[in-house]
N, C-alpha and C. Protein backbone atom coordinates (compact mmCIF):
# COMPACT_ATOMS: atom_id res chain seq x y z
N MET A 1 117.03 177.92 105.95
CA MET A 1 118.26 177.91 106.73
C MET A 1 119.21 176.88 106.17
N ILE A 2 120.52 177.08 106.45
CA ILE A 2 121.56 176.16 106.01
C ILE A 2 121.82 175.15 107.13
N VAL A 3 121.81 173.87 106.76
CA VAL A 3 122.04 172.79 107.72
C VAL A 3 123.27 172.01 107.29
N SER A 4 124.17 171.74 108.24
CA SER A 4 125.39 170.96 107.96
C SER A 4 125.32 169.65 108.71
N CYS A 5 125.70 168.58 108.04
CA CYS A 5 125.74 167.26 108.67
C CYS A 5 126.86 167.23 109.69
N PRO A 6 126.61 166.85 110.94
CA PRO A 6 127.67 166.80 111.95
C PRO A 6 128.70 165.71 111.68
N ASN A 7 128.36 164.78 110.81
CA ASN A 7 129.27 163.66 110.57
C ASN A 7 130.20 163.90 109.39
N CYS A 8 129.63 164.36 108.25
CA CYS A 8 130.46 164.53 107.04
C CYS A 8 130.53 165.99 106.58
N SER A 9 129.84 166.88 107.30
CA SER A 9 129.87 168.32 107.02
C SER A 9 129.19 168.71 105.71
N LYS A 10 128.43 167.79 105.10
CA LYS A 10 127.71 168.15 103.87
C LYS A 10 126.61 169.13 104.23
N ARG A 11 126.40 170.14 103.38
CA ARG A 11 125.48 171.22 103.68
C ARG A 11 124.22 171.11 102.83
N TYR A 12 123.09 171.54 103.44
CA TYR A 12 121.80 171.47 102.78
C TYR A 12 121.02 172.75 103.07
N MET A 13 120.10 173.05 102.17
CA MET A 13 119.16 174.13 102.40
C MET A 13 117.87 173.50 102.92
N LEU A 14 117.41 173.91 104.08
CA LEU A 14 116.21 173.35 104.70
C LEU A 14 115.22 174.47 105.00
N ASP A 15 113.99 174.28 104.59
CA ASP A 15 112.94 175.27 104.84
C ASP A 15 112.66 175.34 106.34
N ASP A 16 112.69 176.55 106.90
CA ASP A 16 112.44 176.72 108.33
C ASP A 16 111.05 176.22 108.72
N ALA A 17 110.12 176.26 107.80
CA ALA A 17 108.75 175.86 108.13
C ALA A 17 108.64 174.37 108.42
N LEU A 18 109.64 173.58 107.99
CA LEU A 18 109.62 172.14 108.23
C LEU A 18 110.04 171.77 109.63
N LEU A 19 110.61 172.70 110.37
CA LEU A 19 111.12 172.41 111.71
C LEU A 19 110.18 172.97 112.78
N PRO A 20 109.60 172.10 113.61
CA PRO A 20 108.82 172.60 114.74
C PRO A 20 109.75 173.18 115.81
N LYS A 21 109.19 173.80 116.81
CA LYS A 21 110.01 174.44 117.83
C LYS A 21 110.89 173.44 118.56
N GLU A 22 110.38 172.21 118.77
CA GLU A 22 111.18 171.22 119.50
C GLU A 22 112.19 170.50 118.60
N GLY A 23 112.19 170.82 117.31
CA GLY A 23 113.11 170.20 116.37
C GLY A 23 112.57 168.89 115.83
N ARG A 24 113.34 168.24 114.95
CA ARG A 24 112.94 166.97 114.37
C ARG A 24 114.17 166.21 113.90
N GLN A 25 114.01 164.93 113.65
CA GLN A 25 115.12 164.12 113.16
C GLN A 25 115.27 164.32 111.65
N VAL A 26 116.52 164.44 111.22
CA VAL A 26 116.83 164.53 109.79
C VAL A 26 117.95 163.55 109.49
N ARG A 27 118.13 163.26 108.21
CA ARG A 27 119.13 162.28 107.81
C ARG A 27 119.92 162.80 106.61
N CYS A 28 121.21 162.65 106.67
CA CYS A 28 122.09 163.06 105.57
C CYS A 28 122.02 162.01 104.47
N ILE A 29 121.77 162.45 103.24
CA ILE A 29 121.67 161.49 102.14
C ILE A 29 123.05 161.05 101.65
N ALA A 30 124.09 161.69 102.14
CA ALA A 30 125.44 161.32 101.72
C ALA A 30 126.01 160.20 102.60
N CYS A 31 125.92 160.36 103.93
CA CYS A 31 126.50 159.37 104.84
C CYS A 31 125.44 158.68 105.68
N TYR A 32 124.15 159.05 105.53
CA TYR A 32 123.03 158.46 106.24
C TYR A 32 123.08 158.68 107.75
N HIS A 33 123.83 159.68 108.18
CA HIS A 33 123.87 160.01 109.59
C HIS A 33 122.55 160.67 109.99
N ILE A 34 122.05 160.33 111.18
CA ILE A 34 120.77 160.87 111.65
C ILE A 34 121.04 161.73 112.88
N TRP A 35 120.44 162.91 112.92
CA TRP A 35 120.56 163.77 114.09
C TRP A 35 119.29 164.61 114.23
N ARG A 36 119.14 165.22 115.40
CA ARG A 36 117.99 166.09 115.63
C ARG A 36 118.38 167.53 115.34
N GLN A 37 117.66 168.12 114.43
CA GLN A 37 117.92 169.50 114.04
C GLN A 37 116.85 170.40 114.64
N VAL A 38 117.29 171.41 115.36
CA VAL A 38 116.37 172.38 115.95
C VAL A 38 116.41 173.66 115.12
N PRO A 39 115.32 174.41 115.09
CA PRO A 39 115.31 175.66 114.32
C PRO A 39 116.26 176.69 114.93
N GLU A 40 116.85 177.46 114.09
CA GLU A 40 117.76 178.51 114.55
C GLU A 40 117.13 179.88 114.31
N GLN A 41 117.71 180.90 114.95
CA GLN A 41 117.25 182.27 114.75
C GLN A 41 117.72 182.77 113.39
N SER A 42 117.67 184.02 113.18
CA SER A 42 117.96 184.61 111.86
C SER A 42 119.45 184.71 111.59
N THR A 43 120.24 183.74 112.18
CA THR A 43 121.69 183.80 111.99
C THR A 43 122.06 183.64 110.54
N PHE A 44 121.31 182.73 109.86
CA PHE A 44 121.68 182.42 108.49
C PHE A 44 120.73 183.04 107.48
N MET A 45 120.01 184.05 107.83
CA MET A 45 119.05 184.63 106.92
C MET A 45 119.68 185.27 105.70
N ASN A 46 120.97 185.65 105.79
CA ASN A 46 121.63 186.31 104.66
C ASN A 46 122.25 185.33 103.68
N PHE A 47 122.13 184.01 103.96
CA PHE A 47 122.68 183.04 103.01
C PHE A 47 121.79 182.96 101.79
N PRO A 48 122.31 182.52 100.65
CA PRO A 48 121.50 182.39 99.44
C PRO A 48 120.34 181.44 99.68
N LEU A 49 119.23 181.73 99.01
CA LEU A 49 118.04 180.90 99.17
C LEU A 49 118.08 179.66 98.31
N PHE A 50 119.07 179.49 97.49
CA PHE A 50 119.12 178.33 96.61
C PHE A 50 120.53 177.78 96.58
N ILE A 51 120.62 176.48 96.75
CA ILE A 51 121.91 175.77 96.60
C ILE A 51 121.70 174.71 95.55
N SER A 52 122.46 174.74 94.51
CA SER A 52 122.24 173.84 93.38
C SER A 52 122.71 172.43 93.71
N GLY A 53 122.27 171.50 92.83
CA GLY A 53 122.75 170.12 92.94
C GLY A 53 122.01 169.34 94.01
N PRO A 54 122.52 168.17 94.33
CA PRO A 54 121.85 167.27 95.26
C PRO A 54 121.89 167.74 96.69
N GLU A 55 122.60 168.88 96.99
CA GLU A 55 122.70 169.34 98.36
C GLU A 55 121.36 169.79 98.92
N VAL A 56 120.37 169.99 98.05
CA VAL A 56 119.07 170.44 98.52
C VAL A 56 118.24 169.27 99.04
N ALA A 57 118.68 168.05 98.79
CA ALA A 57 117.84 166.88 99.05
C ALA A 57 118.04 166.28 100.42
N LEU A 58 118.07 167.08 101.46
CA LEU A 58 118.17 166.56 102.83
C LEU A 58 116.90 165.77 103.16
N ASP A 59 117.09 164.56 103.68
CA ASP A 59 115.96 163.69 104.00
C ASP A 59 115.42 164.06 105.37
N SER A 60 114.27 164.71 105.40
CA SER A 60 113.67 165.14 106.67
C SER A 60 112.38 164.42 106.95
N THR A 61 112.21 163.21 106.40
CA THR A 61 110.94 162.50 106.53
C THR A 61 110.92 161.51 107.68
N LEU A 62 112.01 161.44 108.46
CA LEU A 62 112.06 160.43 109.51
C LEU A 62 110.99 160.66 110.57
N SER A 63 110.71 161.88 110.87
CA SER A 63 109.71 162.16 111.89
C SER A 63 108.58 163.02 111.34
N ASP A 64 108.28 162.83 110.07
CA ASP A 64 107.22 163.60 109.43
C ASP A 64 105.89 163.25 110.06
N PRO A 65 105.24 164.21 110.72
CA PRO A 65 103.97 163.89 111.39
C PRO A 65 102.88 163.48 110.43
N LYS A 66 102.99 163.83 109.13
CA LYS A 66 101.97 163.44 108.18
C LYS A 66 102.03 161.96 107.85
N ARG A 67 103.19 161.32 108.06
CA ARG A 67 103.33 159.91 107.74
C ARG A 67 103.18 159.00 108.95
N SER A 68 103.28 159.53 110.14
CA SER A 68 103.20 158.70 111.33
C SER A 68 101.90 157.93 111.46
N PRO A 69 100.73 158.44 111.00
CA PRO A 69 99.51 157.62 111.09
C PRO A 69 99.61 156.31 110.34
N TRP A 70 100.47 156.21 109.33
CA TRP A 70 100.60 154.96 108.59
C TRP A 70 101.08 153.83 109.48
N ILE A 71 101.90 154.17 110.47
CA ILE A 71 102.39 153.13 111.38
C ILE A 71 101.22 152.53 112.14
N GLY A 72 100.35 153.37 112.64
CA GLY A 72 99.17 152.88 113.36
C GLY A 72 98.27 152.05 112.47
N ARG A 73 98.15 152.47 111.20
CA ARG A 73 97.29 151.72 110.28
C ARG A 73 97.85 150.34 109.99
N VAL A 74 99.18 150.27 109.83
CA VAL A 74 99.81 148.97 109.57
C VAL A 74 99.64 148.04 110.77
N VAL A 75 99.84 148.58 111.97
CA VAL A 75 99.66 147.77 113.18
C VAL A 75 98.21 147.31 113.30
N PHE A 76 97.27 148.22 113.03
CA PHE A 76 95.84 147.87 113.11
C PHE A 76 95.50 146.79 112.09
N LEU A 77 96.03 146.92 110.86
CA LEU A 77 95.77 145.91 109.84
C LEU A 77 96.35 144.56 110.25
N GLY A 78 97.55 144.57 110.86
CA GLY A 78 98.15 143.32 111.31
C GLY A 78 97.31 142.65 112.38
N ILE A 79 96.74 143.43 113.29
CA ILE A 79 95.87 142.87 114.32
C ILE A 79 94.62 142.24 113.70
N ILE A 80 94.05 142.95 112.71
CA ILE A 80 92.84 142.43 112.05
C ILE A 80 93.14 141.11 111.35
N LEU A 81 94.26 141.04 110.60
CA LEU A 81 94.60 139.82 109.88
C LEU A 81 94.89 138.68 110.84
N SER A 82 95.55 138.96 111.96
CA SER A 82 95.83 137.92 112.95
C SER A 82 94.54 137.39 113.55
N SER A 83 93.60 138.29 113.81
CA SER A 83 92.32 137.86 114.37
C SER A 83 91.55 136.99 113.39
N ILE A 84 91.55 137.38 112.11
CA ILE A 84 90.85 136.58 111.10
C ILE A 84 91.49 135.20 110.97
N SER A 85 92.82 135.15 110.99
CA SER A 85 93.53 133.86 110.89
C SER A 85 93.17 132.95 112.05
N PHE A 86 93.10 133.52 113.26
CA PHE A 86 92.75 132.70 114.42
C PHE A 86 91.32 132.20 114.32
N ILE A 87 90.41 133.06 113.85
CA ILE A 87 89.01 132.65 113.72
C ILE A 87 88.87 131.50 112.74
N ILE A 88 89.67 131.51 111.66
CA ILE A 88 89.57 130.46 110.64
C ILE A 88 90.30 129.20 111.06
N PHE A 89 91.59 129.34 111.39
CA PHE A 89 92.42 128.16 111.64
C PHE A 89 92.30 127.64 113.08
N GLY A 90 91.79 128.48 113.98
CA GLY A 90 91.59 128.04 115.35
C GLY A 90 90.14 127.78 115.67
N ARG A 91 89.35 127.46 114.63
CA ARG A 91 87.91 127.31 114.84
C ARG A 91 87.56 126.12 115.73
N ASN A 92 88.39 125.06 115.71
CA ASN A 92 88.09 123.92 116.58
C ASN A 92 88.20 124.32 118.05
N LEU A 93 89.19 125.15 118.39
CA LEU A 93 89.32 125.62 119.76
C LEU A 93 88.14 126.52 120.15
N ILE A 94 87.72 127.36 119.19
CA ILE A 94 86.60 128.26 119.46
C ILE A 94 85.32 127.47 119.69
N VAL A 95 85.07 126.44 118.86
CA VAL A 95 83.85 125.64 118.99
C VAL A 95 83.87 124.84 120.29
N ASN A 96 85.05 124.36 120.68
CA ASN A 96 85.13 123.63 121.95
C ASN A 96 84.77 124.53 123.13
N ALA A 97 85.17 125.78 123.06
CA ALA A 97 84.86 126.72 124.13
C ALA A 97 83.45 127.30 124.00
N TRP A 98 82.95 127.41 122.79
CA TRP A 98 81.64 128.01 122.53
C TRP A 98 80.94 127.19 121.44
N PRO A 99 80.26 126.11 121.80
CA PRO A 99 79.65 125.19 120.81
C PRO A 99 78.67 125.87 119.86
N GLN A 100 78.04 126.98 120.29
CA GLN A 100 77.07 127.66 119.42
C GLN A 100 77.72 128.20 118.15
N ALA A 101 79.04 128.34 118.15
CA ALA A 101 79.73 128.89 116.98
C ALA A 101 79.80 127.90 115.82
N GLU A 102 79.55 126.61 116.09
CA GLU A 102 79.65 125.60 115.03
C GLU A 102 78.68 125.88 113.89
N ARG A 103 77.47 126.32 114.21
CA ARG A 103 76.48 126.61 113.17
C ARG A 103 76.96 127.74 112.27
N ALA A 104 77.57 128.77 112.86
CA ALA A 104 78.06 129.89 112.06
C ALA A 104 79.17 129.43 111.12
N TYR A 105 80.07 128.59 111.60
CA TYR A 105 81.14 128.07 110.74
C TYR A 105 80.57 127.20 109.62
N THR A 106 79.55 126.43 109.93
CA THR A 106 78.93 125.58 108.89
C THR A 106 78.32 126.43 107.80
N LEU A 107 77.65 127.52 108.17
CA LEU A 107 77.06 128.42 107.18
C LEU A 107 78.12 129.08 106.31
N MET A 108 79.31 129.29 106.87
CA MET A 108 80.42 129.89 106.10
C MET A 108 81.19 128.86 105.28
N GLY A 109 80.80 127.59 105.36
CA GLY A 109 81.51 126.55 104.62
C GLY A 109 82.83 126.16 105.25
N LEU A 110 82.95 126.36 106.57
CA LEU A 110 84.18 126.01 107.29
C LEU A 110 83.85 124.92 108.30
N PRO A 111 84.03 123.64 107.93
CA PRO A 111 83.68 122.56 108.86
C PRO A 111 84.59 122.58 110.09
N THR A 112 84.01 122.19 111.22
CA THR A 112 84.77 122.16 112.47
C THR A 112 84.94 120.75 113.02
N THR A 113 84.35 119.77 112.35
CA THR A 113 84.46 118.39 112.81
C THR A 113 85.63 117.70 112.12
N PRO A 114 86.30 116.76 112.77
CA PRO A 114 87.41 116.04 112.15
C PRO A 114 86.95 115.23 110.94
N PRO A 115 87.85 114.95 109.99
CA PRO A 115 87.47 114.15 108.82
C PRO A 115 86.95 112.77 109.23
N GLY A 116 85.86 112.34 108.62
CA GLY A 116 85.30 111.02 108.92
C GLY A 116 84.30 111.01 110.04
N THR A 117 84.00 112.17 110.63
CA THR A 117 83.00 112.21 111.70
C THR A 117 81.64 111.77 111.17
N GLY A 118 80.99 110.83 111.87
CA GLY A 118 79.69 110.33 111.43
C GLY A 118 79.78 109.20 110.43
N LEU A 119 81.00 108.80 110.05
CA LEU A 119 81.21 107.71 109.11
C LEU A 119 81.90 106.54 109.81
N SER A 120 81.61 105.34 109.35
CA SER A 120 82.25 104.14 109.89
C SER A 120 82.77 103.28 108.75
N ILE A 121 83.91 102.65 108.99
CA ILE A 121 84.49 101.70 108.03
C ILE A 121 84.15 100.30 108.50
N LEU A 122 83.42 99.55 107.66
CA LEU A 122 82.96 98.21 108.01
C LEU A 122 83.54 97.18 107.06
N ASN A 123 83.70 95.96 107.59
CA ASN A 123 84.08 94.79 106.78
C ASN A 123 85.39 94.99 106.02
N ALA A 124 86.30 95.79 106.59
CA ALA A 124 87.59 96.00 105.91
C ALA A 124 88.40 94.71 105.95
N THR A 125 88.87 94.29 104.80
CA THR A 125 89.65 93.06 104.71
C THR A 125 90.69 93.20 103.62
N SER A 126 91.77 92.46 103.76
CA SER A 126 92.83 92.47 102.74
C SER A 126 92.77 91.18 101.95
N LEU A 127 92.93 91.28 100.65
CA LEU A 127 92.89 90.13 99.74
C LEU A 127 94.22 90.03 99.02
N THR A 128 94.71 88.83 98.91
CA THR A 128 95.99 88.61 98.23
C THR A 128 95.79 87.85 96.94
N HIS A 129 96.63 88.15 95.96
CA HIS A 129 96.59 87.49 94.65
C HIS A 129 98.02 87.24 94.21
N GLN A 130 98.22 86.16 93.53
CA GLN A 130 99.54 85.83 93.02
C GLN A 130 99.64 86.32 91.58
N LYS A 131 100.62 87.18 91.36
CA LYS A 131 100.85 87.70 90.02
C LYS A 131 102.27 87.33 89.62
N GLY A 132 102.38 86.18 88.95
CA GLY A 132 103.71 85.66 88.64
C GLY A 132 104.40 85.21 89.92
N GLU A 133 105.54 85.74 90.19
CA GLU A 133 106.26 85.42 91.41
C GLU A 133 106.01 86.43 92.52
N VAL A 134 105.19 87.44 92.23
CA VAL A 134 104.95 88.50 93.20
C VAL A 134 103.57 88.32 93.81
N GLU A 135 103.50 88.39 95.14
CA GLU A 135 102.23 88.32 95.83
C GLU A 135 101.67 89.73 95.98
N MET A 136 100.48 89.96 95.42
CA MET A 136 99.86 91.27 95.43
C MET A 136 98.78 91.32 96.51
N ILE A 137 98.47 92.52 96.97
CA ILE A 137 97.49 92.70 98.02
C ILE A 137 96.63 93.92 97.70
N HIS A 138 95.34 93.83 98.00
CA HIS A 138 94.48 95.00 97.93
C HIS A 138 93.46 94.92 99.06
N VAL A 139 92.84 96.06 99.36
CA VAL A 139 91.95 96.17 100.51
C VAL A 139 90.54 96.49 100.02
N ALA A 140 89.55 95.86 100.64
CA ALA A 140 88.15 96.09 100.31
C ALA A 140 87.37 96.29 101.60
N GLY A 141 86.24 96.95 101.49
CA GLY A 141 85.41 97.19 102.66
C GLY A 141 84.25 98.11 102.32
N ASP A 142 83.58 98.59 103.34
CA ASP A 142 82.43 99.47 103.16
C ASP A 142 82.57 100.70 104.06
N VAL A 143 82.04 101.83 103.58
CA VAL A 143 81.94 103.04 104.38
C VAL A 143 80.46 103.36 104.52
N VAL A 144 79.99 103.55 105.75
CA VAL A 144 78.58 103.80 105.99
C VAL A 144 78.43 105.09 106.79
N ASN A 145 77.40 105.85 106.46
CA ASN A 145 77.07 107.08 107.16
C ASN A 145 76.15 106.74 108.33
N THR A 146 76.66 106.81 109.55
CA THR A 146 75.88 106.47 110.73
C THR A 146 75.24 107.69 111.38
N SER A 147 75.39 108.86 110.79
CA SER A 147 74.82 110.07 111.35
C SER A 147 73.47 110.36 110.74
N GLU A 148 72.89 111.48 111.13
CA GLU A 148 71.58 111.87 110.62
C GLU A 148 71.67 113.04 109.64
N GLN A 149 72.86 113.25 109.09
CA GLN A 149 73.02 114.31 108.09
C GLN A 149 74.02 113.87 107.04
N VAL A 150 74.03 114.59 105.93
CA VAL A 150 74.95 114.26 104.84
C VAL A 150 76.39 114.47 105.31
N ARG A 151 77.24 113.50 105.01
CA ARG A 151 78.63 113.57 105.42
C ARG A 151 79.55 113.46 104.20
N SER A 152 80.59 114.28 104.17
CA SER A 152 81.59 114.19 103.11
C SER A 152 82.51 113.00 103.38
N ILE A 153 82.93 112.34 102.33
CA ILE A 153 83.81 111.17 102.46
C ILE A 153 85.26 111.62 102.28
N PRO A 154 86.06 111.54 103.31
CA PRO A 154 87.47 111.91 103.15
C PRO A 154 88.26 110.78 102.47
N ILE A 155 89.49 111.07 102.18
CA ILE A 155 90.37 110.07 101.58
C ILE A 155 90.70 109.00 102.61
N LEU A 156 90.66 107.74 102.20
CA LEU A 156 91.03 106.64 103.09
C LEU A 156 92.56 106.55 103.19
N LYS A 157 93.05 106.35 104.40
CA LYS A 157 94.48 106.18 104.63
C LYS A 157 94.73 104.72 105.02
N ILE A 158 95.50 104.04 104.21
CA ILE A 158 95.70 102.60 104.38
C ILE A 158 97.15 102.34 104.75
N LYS A 159 97.33 101.59 105.84
CA LYS A 159 98.66 101.27 106.33
C LYS A 159 98.82 99.76 106.37
N LEU A 160 99.91 99.30 105.85
CA LEU A 160 100.26 97.89 105.90
C LEU A 160 101.21 97.71 107.08
N MET A 161 100.72 97.05 108.15
CA MET A 161 101.45 96.94 109.39
C MET A 161 102.15 95.58 109.49
N GLY A 162 103.23 95.55 110.23
CA GLY A 162 103.93 94.29 110.43
C GLY A 162 105.26 94.48 111.11
N LYS A 163 106.06 93.47 111.05
CA LYS A 163 107.38 93.46 111.66
C LYS A 163 108.43 93.66 110.58
N ALA A 164 109.27 94.65 110.76
CA ALA A 164 110.30 94.95 109.77
C ALA A 164 111.37 93.87 109.77
N THR A 165 111.63 93.30 108.60
CA THR A 165 112.72 92.32 108.44
C THR A 165 113.72 92.93 107.47
N ASN A 166 113.54 92.59 106.20
CA ASN A 166 114.37 93.23 105.18
C ASN A 166 113.72 94.50 104.64
N SER A 167 112.50 94.77 105.10
CA SER A 167 111.76 95.94 104.61
C SER A 167 112.06 97.15 105.49
N LYS A 168 111.87 98.31 104.92
CA LYS A 168 112.10 99.55 105.64
C LYS A 168 110.85 99.93 106.42
N CYS A 169 111.05 100.29 107.68
CA CYS A 169 109.94 100.72 108.53
C CYS A 169 109.66 102.19 108.25
N LEU A 170 108.46 102.49 107.69
CA LEU A 170 108.14 103.88 107.36
C LEU A 170 107.86 104.69 108.61
N LYS A 171 107.23 104.05 109.61
CA LYS A 171 106.87 104.76 110.83
C LYS A 171 106.63 103.73 111.93
N GLY A 172 106.93 104.12 113.16
CA GLY A 172 106.71 103.24 114.29
C GLY A 172 107.98 102.49 114.68
N ARG A 173 107.83 101.52 115.55
CA ARG A 173 108.98 100.74 116.02
C ARG A 173 109.33 99.65 115.02
N ALA A 174 110.58 99.36 114.93
CA ALA A 174 111.05 98.40 113.94
C ALA A 174 110.61 96.98 114.27
N LYS A 175 110.43 96.67 115.56
CA LYS A 175 110.08 95.30 115.93
C LYS A 175 108.58 95.06 115.87
N GLU A 176 107.79 95.96 116.45
CA GLU A 176 106.34 95.80 116.49
C GLU A 176 105.67 97.12 116.08
N GLY A 177 104.48 97.02 115.50
CA GLY A 177 103.72 98.21 115.14
C GLY A 177 104.39 99.06 114.09
N CYS A 178 105.06 98.43 113.15
CA CYS A 178 105.80 99.16 112.13
C CYS A 178 104.94 99.31 110.87
N VAL A 179 104.92 100.50 110.31
CA VAL A 179 104.22 100.75 109.05
C VAL A 179 105.18 100.38 107.90
N LEU A 180 104.86 99.29 107.23
CA LEU A 180 105.71 98.82 106.14
C LEU A 180 105.34 99.44 104.80
N ASP A 181 104.08 99.80 104.64
CA ASP A 181 103.64 100.43 103.39
C ASP A 181 102.46 101.33 103.71
N TYR A 182 102.30 102.37 102.90
CA TYR A 182 101.22 103.33 103.14
C TYR A 182 100.74 103.86 101.79
N TRP A 183 99.42 103.93 101.62
CA TRP A 183 98.88 104.57 100.44
C TRP A 183 97.48 105.11 100.77
N GLU A 184 96.96 105.92 99.86
CA GLU A 184 95.66 106.55 100.06
C GLU A 184 94.72 106.13 98.94
N HIS A 185 93.43 106.13 99.27
CA HIS A 185 92.42 105.72 98.29
C HIS A 185 91.24 106.68 98.37
N ARG A 186 90.85 107.22 97.22
CA ARG A 186 89.70 108.11 97.14
C ARG A 186 88.50 107.34 96.59
N LEU A 187 87.37 107.41 97.29
CA LEU A 187 86.19 106.69 96.86
C LEU A 187 85.54 107.36 95.66
N SER A 188 84.65 106.62 95.00
CA SER A 188 84.01 107.13 93.79
C SER A 188 82.98 108.23 94.09
N GLU A 189 82.45 108.26 95.32
CA GLU A 189 81.48 109.28 95.72
C GLU A 189 82.14 110.26 96.69
N ASN A 190 81.64 111.49 96.69
CA ASN A 190 82.19 112.51 97.57
C ASN A 190 81.46 112.63 98.90
N SER A 191 80.20 112.14 98.96
CA SER A 191 79.41 112.27 100.18
C SER A 191 78.41 111.12 100.26
N LEU A 192 77.88 110.92 101.48
CA LEU A 192 76.90 109.88 101.73
C LEU A 192 75.70 110.48 102.45
N LEU A 193 74.50 110.02 102.07
CA LEU A 193 73.30 110.41 102.78
C LEU A 193 73.20 109.65 104.09
N PRO A 194 72.37 110.11 105.03
CA PRO A 194 72.21 109.37 106.29
C PRO A 194 71.82 107.91 106.05
N GLY A 195 72.56 106.98 106.64
CA GLY A 195 72.29 105.56 106.49
C GLY A 195 72.83 104.95 105.21
N GLU A 196 73.36 105.74 104.30
CA GLU A 196 73.84 105.23 103.01
C GLU A 196 75.19 104.55 103.19
N LYS A 197 75.45 103.55 102.35
CA LYS A 197 76.69 102.78 102.41
C LYS A 197 77.31 102.69 101.02
N ILE A 198 78.65 102.68 100.97
CA ILE A 198 79.36 102.55 99.70
C ILE A 198 80.50 101.56 99.87
N HIS A 199 80.70 100.73 98.86
CA HIS A 199 81.76 99.72 98.87
C HIS A 199 83.01 100.30 98.21
N PHE A 200 84.18 99.87 98.68
CA PHE A 200 85.43 100.33 98.08
C PHE A 200 86.40 99.16 97.93
N GLU A 201 87.22 99.26 96.93
CA GLU A 201 88.32 98.31 96.71
C GLU A 201 89.51 99.10 96.19
N THR A 202 90.66 98.94 96.80
CA THR A 202 91.85 99.66 96.38
C THR A 202 92.54 98.90 95.24
N VAL A 203 93.47 99.57 94.61
CA VAL A 203 94.26 98.91 93.58
C VAL A 203 95.22 97.94 94.25
N MET A 204 95.70 96.96 93.48
CA MET A 204 96.62 95.97 94.02
C MET A 204 98.03 96.54 94.13
N ARG A 205 98.71 96.14 95.20
CA ARG A 205 100.08 96.56 95.45
C ARG A 205 100.88 95.33 95.86
N PRO A 206 102.18 95.32 95.61
CA PRO A 206 103.00 94.18 96.06
C PRO A 206 102.99 94.08 97.58
N LYS A 207 102.77 92.90 98.09
CA LYS A 207 102.77 92.68 99.54
C LYS A 207 104.20 92.76 100.07
N VAL A 208 104.36 93.49 101.16
CA VAL A 208 105.67 93.68 101.76
C VAL A 208 105.96 92.54 102.72
N GLU A 209 107.17 92.05 102.68
CA GLU A 209 107.56 90.95 103.56
C GLU A 209 107.45 91.38 105.02
N GLY A 210 106.85 90.52 105.85
CA GLY A 210 106.70 90.81 107.26
C GLY A 210 105.37 91.42 107.63
N ALA A 211 104.52 91.77 106.62
CA ALA A 211 103.21 92.37 106.90
C ALA A 211 102.26 91.33 107.46
N HIS A 212 101.49 91.70 108.48
CA HIS A 212 100.54 90.74 109.04
C HIS A 212 99.14 91.32 109.23
N HIS A 213 98.93 92.66 109.10
CA HIS A 213 97.57 93.16 109.10
C HIS A 213 97.51 94.55 108.46
N ILE A 214 96.26 94.95 108.16
CA ILE A 214 96.00 96.21 107.46
C ILE A 214 95.25 97.15 108.40
N SER A 215 95.60 98.45 108.34
CA SER A 215 94.89 99.49 109.07
C SER A 215 94.26 100.43 108.06
N VAL A 216 92.93 100.65 108.17
CA VAL A 216 92.21 101.56 107.29
C VAL A 216 91.53 102.63 108.15
N GLU A 217 91.81 103.89 107.86
CA GLU A 217 91.23 104.98 108.65
C GLU A 217 91.06 106.21 107.77
N PHE A 218 90.36 107.19 108.31
CA PHE A 218 90.14 108.44 107.58
C PHE A 218 91.31 109.40 107.83
């Protein structure tokens, strides 16, 4: 049958077999107008069966029932991926609600405990050295495994705390509890056995004016 676009009047040849009794949505490739085309009787049966050129390329795939299952598959895949993401990144919430799940996460190599769990930082102290006219500082201490299983050693986070004067406050209040300097230190070992202890010393850094104590944490 011959189909004319209601918007731009461009004509197309459309196979009657593509149109169900209730009709379907089609789209004009010239002006992209969309309308519902219903099958007609044998009014146009005497028209030529072939129209040359691009006029034959009427886009009738908008409501193609063969493609509609893809929408359901995409939605289903999205639900699956969202569920997997929640299981992985929301594992702490899951373990809090269902503690038995912790063993399953451990077997999958997905830890659910915060960094530094089962480890303690002992004897942390700051040491100062004079290097020319600059006063340098470094931190030393021990990390001990107080648990009954092997624990991974996370990176140490070291904060130089004090009162901001001429120095810039990296975080916190400018008058009290101000982070004047921050750096990280990785220990020489990656894990500790139960009861095992390891000593650490950071590299020296220039002491910031106004600093009065050091914070060391995981």
